[in-house]
Amino acid sequence: LSLKMADYAHVPPWAELIHDLKLIKHPEGGYFAETDRQKDQIPSPFAGGQLRSLATTIYYLLTYESPNGYIHMNKSVTMHVLHHGRSEYTLIHPPSSPSEEPRVERIVMGTNIAAGEVRQLVVGTGVWKMSRIPREDLKPESTDPDKVSCLITEVVFPGFHWEDHAYLTPDGLEKLLKGAKGGDGWISELKGYVKPE
C-alpha cells in the first residue's frame, strides 16, 4: 500500500501551536516543551545506576520550516505518541557483536494504519534516531505550509538527562556504517542529518 500525505485540514497553524503550547526551539531541531518531570527518582540501569527521574514528558513539534531533527541517541527508553501529522523515523541499531552489521530501519508515525504507519513508537536504549516530516508532505502546492507539522508526545523512562544523550558526529556516522551492506548509500543520505560540530 502506498503512503498518502497527511490531512492537515483541521490542524491549527504551527505558529499557533508554538504559542499555545509554549514551545521553544529544541537543540535537536524542531520545537519542544517539557510538560512533566516525575519527582521520584530511581537508579538508571542505562546510566551506571545514577539517579534519574522516574520519567519525563515533552511535546515535540516538527514544522514546515523546521521539518527534521538531528541524529541522536538517548540511553533511556523513549515512547513516542502521535497527536497529528506524520513523521518518518530513521533508526540505526548498532551491532551487538563484531559479527553483526548495523541495522537501519524506517518507521512512519501517522494515522494510516493500513499502510503500516504507527501511532505509537518505542525506541529502546542505545539506538540512534532521527525524525523528519516526509518529503511528500512538504510540497507547498499540495497543502498549506502554515499547517504542515507533526506533534508528538515523548515519554522518556528513566527520565531524560543531557548526560545520557549524544549526537552522532560525521566521523561516528562513517565508522558506524562504512563497510556495512548499503552503508555508503546510508552515509550519503544521512550525512545531512548529522549535527555540525
Protein backbone atom coordinates (compact mmCIF):
# COMPACT_ATOMS: atom_id res chain seq x y z
CA LEU A 1 0.00 0.00 0.00
CA SER A 2 1.28 3.47 -0.84
CA LEU A 3 1.67 6.10 1.83
CA LYS A 4 -0.56 9.13 1.44
CA MET A 5 0.12 12.66 2.55
CA ALA A 6 -1.23 13.58 5.97
CA ASP A 7 -4.50 15.51 6.19
CA TYR A 8 -3.69 18.91 7.67
CA ALA A 9 -7.11 20.49 7.04
CA HIS A 10 -8.09 20.53 10.72
CA VAL A 11 -4.62 21.19 12.14
CA PRO A 12 -4.04 24.69 13.59
CA PRO A 13 -1.15 26.70 12.12
CA TRP A 14 2.13 25.60 13.66
CA ALA A 15 2.90 29.16 14.80
CA GLU A 16 -0.29 28.97 16.87
CA LEU A 17 0.76 25.61 18.34
CA ILE A 18 4.15 27.02 19.30
CA HIS A 19 2.43 29.88 21.10
CA ASP A 20 -0.36 27.89 22.74
CA LEU A 21 1.86 25.03 23.95
CA LYS A 22 4.69 27.42 24.95
CA LEU A 23 7.21 25.59 22.80
CA ILE A 24 10.82 26.66 22.34
CA LYS A 25 13.44 25.64 19.79
CA HIS A 26 14.96 22.24 20.50
CA PRO A 27 18.74 21.75 20.06
CA GLU A 28 17.88 18.56 18.12
CA GLY A 29 15.71 20.54 15.67
CA GLY A 30 12.01 21.37 15.84
CA TYR A 31 10.34 22.70 18.99
CA PHE A 32 9.57 21.30 22.44
CA ALA A 33 8.28 21.94 25.94
CA GLU A 34 8.80 19.75 28.97
CA THR A 35 5.38 19.10 30.45
CA ASP A 36 6.22 16.73 33.31
CA ARG A 37 9.23 15.56 35.31
CA GLN A 38 8.40 12.99 37.97
CA LYS A 39 9.77 13.88 41.41
CA ASP A 40 10.50 10.26 42.33
CA GLN A 41 13.97 9.10 41.29
CA ILE A 42 15.36 5.65 40.54
CA PRO A 43 18.83 4.30 39.72
CA SER A 44 19.04 4.16 35.94
CA PRO A 45 20.29 0.84 34.54
CA PHE A 46 21.34 2.76 31.42
CA ALA A 47 23.44 5.36 33.26
CA GLY A 48 25.56 3.29 35.61
CA GLY A 49 22.98 3.34 38.37
CA GLN A 50 22.91 7.12 38.63
CA LEU A 51 19.67 8.57 39.95
CA ARG A 52 17.21 9.76 37.32
CA SER A 53 13.63 10.94 37.43
CA LEU A 54 11.16 8.08 37.08
CA ALA A 55 10.03 9.62 33.76
CA THR A 56 9.92 12.89 31.85
CA THR A 57 7.39 14.02 29.24
CA ILE A 58 7.61 16.60 26.45
CA TYR A 59 5.69 17.89 23.48
CA TYR A 60 7.85 17.71 20.34
CA LEU A 61 6.88 19.55 17.17
CA LEU A 62 8.33 19.42 13.66
CA THR A 63 7.13 22.11 11.24
CA TYR A 64 7.30 23.06 7.59
CA GLU A 65 10.17 25.44 8.34
CA SER A 66 11.90 23.08 10.80
CA PRO A 67 10.99 19.65 9.37
CA ASN A 68 13.64 17.40 10.86
CA GLY A 69 15.83 16.70 13.84
CA TYR A 70 19.47 15.62 14.05
CA ILE A 71 20.57 12.04 14.57
CA HIS A 72 20.94 11.45 18.29
CA MET A 73 20.81 8.73 20.94
CA ASN A 74 19.20 8.53 24.37
CA LYS A 75 20.40 5.95 26.89
CA SER A 76 16.88 5.73 28.31
CA VAL A 77 13.87 4.24 26.53
CA THR A 78 11.56 6.67 24.73
CA MET A 79 7.86 6.24 23.97
CA HIS A 80 6.53 8.44 21.14
CA VAL A 81 2.76 9.08 20.87
CA LEU A 82 1.28 10.83 17.83
CA HIS A 83 -1.12 13.79 18.11
CA HIS A 84 -1.28 14.83 14.45
CA GLY A 85 0.66 14.88 11.19
CA ARG A 86 3.28 12.39 10.09
CA SER A 87 6.91 11.85 10.99
CA GLU A 88 9.35 9.42 9.38
CA TYR A 89 11.80 7.93 11.88
CA THR A 90 15.17 6.58 10.80
CA LEU A 91 16.54 4.21 13.45
CA ILE A 92 20.11 2.93 13.37
CA HIS A 93 20.68 -0.11 15.57
CA PRO A 94 24.41 -0.55 16.27
CA PRO A 95 25.75 -4.10 16.03
CA SER A 96 25.63 -6.03 19.28
CA SER A 97 28.63 -8.20 18.35
CA PRO A 98 31.62 -7.97 15.96
CA SER A 99 29.97 -10.47 13.62
CA GLU A 100 26.86 -8.33 13.16
CA GLU A 101 26.25 -5.28 10.98
CA PRO A 102 24.33 -2.17 11.97
CA ARG A 103 20.64 -2.29 11.06
CA VAL A 104 18.81 0.71 9.63
CA GLU A 105 15.01 0.84 9.62
CA ARG A 106 12.37 3.38 8.70
CA ILE A 107 9.09 3.76 10.55
CA VAL A 108 6.41 6.35 9.79
CA MET A 109 4.29 7.70 12.60
CA GLY A 110 0.89 8.57 11.18
CA THR A 111 -2.78 7.60 11.14
CA ASN A 112 -2.78 5.37 8.04
CA ILE A 113 -2.51 2.08 9.89
CA ALA A 114 -3.39 0.08 6.74
CA ALA A 115 -0.25 1.48 5.09
CA GLY A 116 1.94 0.45 8.01
CA GLU A 117 2.01 3.78 9.84
CA VAL A 118 2.01 3.69 13.64
CA ARG A 119 0.53 5.96 16.30
CA GLN A 120 2.97 4.79 18.98
CA LEU A 121 6.69 4.09 18.68
CA VAL A 122 9.04 2.81 21.38
CA VAL A 123 12.75 3.38 20.77
CA GLY A 124 14.98 1.37 23.06
CA THR A 125 18.23 2.28 24.69
CA GLY A 126 21.34 2.72 22.55
CA VAL A 127 19.55 3.32 19.23
CA TRP A 128 20.46 6.27 17.01
CA LYS A 129 17.32 8.05 15.78
CA MET A 130 16.22 10.92 13.59
CA SER A 131 12.74 12.16 12.68
CA ARG A 132 11.53 14.24 9.75
CA ILE A 133 8.29 15.22 8.10
CA PRO A 134 8.02 13.06 4.95
CA ARG A 135 9.10 14.86 1.78
CA GLU A 136 5.70 14.45 0.11
CA ASP A 137 4.06 16.37 2.98
CA LEU A 138 6.38 19.33 2.37
CA LYS A 139 5.23 20.06 -1.18
CA PRO A 140 3.71 23.56 -0.94
CA GLU A 141 1.43 23.03 -3.94
CA SER A 142 -0.38 20.20 -2.16
CA THR A 143 -1.17 21.79 1.21
CA ASP A 144 -0.95 24.93 3.34
CA PRO A 145 2.68 25.20 4.57
CA ASP A 146 1.49 27.09 7.68
CA LYS A 147 -0.32 23.94 8.81
CA VAL A 148 2.25 21.29 7.91
CA SER A 149 3.54 19.92 11.21
CA CYS A 150 3.86 16.79 13.29
CA LEU A 151 3.12 16.95 17.00
CA ILE A 152 4.02 14.08 19.29
CA THR A 153 4.40 13.42 23.00
CA GLU A 154 7.65 11.80 24.11
CA VAL A 155 7.88 9.97 27.44
CA VAL A 156 11.45 9.09 28.46
CA PHE A 157 11.98 6.47 31.18
CA PRO A 158 14.02 6.72 33.27
CA GLY A 159 13.73 10.47 32.77
CA PHE A 160 15.74 12.48 30.26
CA HIS A 161 19.12 13.86 31.31
CA TRP A 162 21.59 15.57 29.00
CA GLU A 163 24.40 13.36 30.35
CA ASP A 164 22.54 10.38 28.85
CA HIS A 165 22.25 11.99 25.40
CA ALA A 166 24.63 12.13 22.43
CA TYR A 167 24.61 13.48 18.88
CA LEU A 168 26.01 11.35 16.08
CA THR A 169 29.11 13.02 14.58
CA PRO A 170 30.16 12.88 10.90
CA ASP A 171 33.08 10.65 11.91
CA GLY A 172 30.76 8.50 14.01
CA LEU A 173 28.38 8.05 11.06
CA GLU A 174 31.28 6.87 8.87
CA LYS A 175 32.55 4.43 11.50
CA LEU A 176 29.07 3.09 12.18
CA LEU A 177 28.01 2.38 8.60
CA LYS A 178 31.19 2.15 6.49
CA GLY A 179 31.59 -1.37 5.11
CA ALA A 180 28.07 -2.44 6.07
CA LYS A 181 25.66 -3.64 3.38
CA GLY A 182 24.29 -0.47 1.75
CA GLY A 183 26.42 1.57 4.14
CA ASP A 184 27.76 4.04 1.57
CA GLY A 185 24.23 4.86 0.43
CA TRP A 186 23.05 5.39 4.00
CA ILE A 187 26.07 7.58 4.77
CA SER A 188 25.36 9.71 1.69
CA GLU A 189 21.68 10.07 2.60
CA LEU A 190 22.09 10.66 6.32
CA LYS A 191 25.13 12.95 6.44
CA GLY A 192 22.82 15.97 6.08
CA TYR A 193 21.10 14.99 9.34
CA VAL A 194 24.26 14.94 11.45
CA LYS A 195 24.58 18.00 13.67
CA PRO A 196 27.54 20.18 12.60
CA GLU A 197 30.40 20.00 15.08
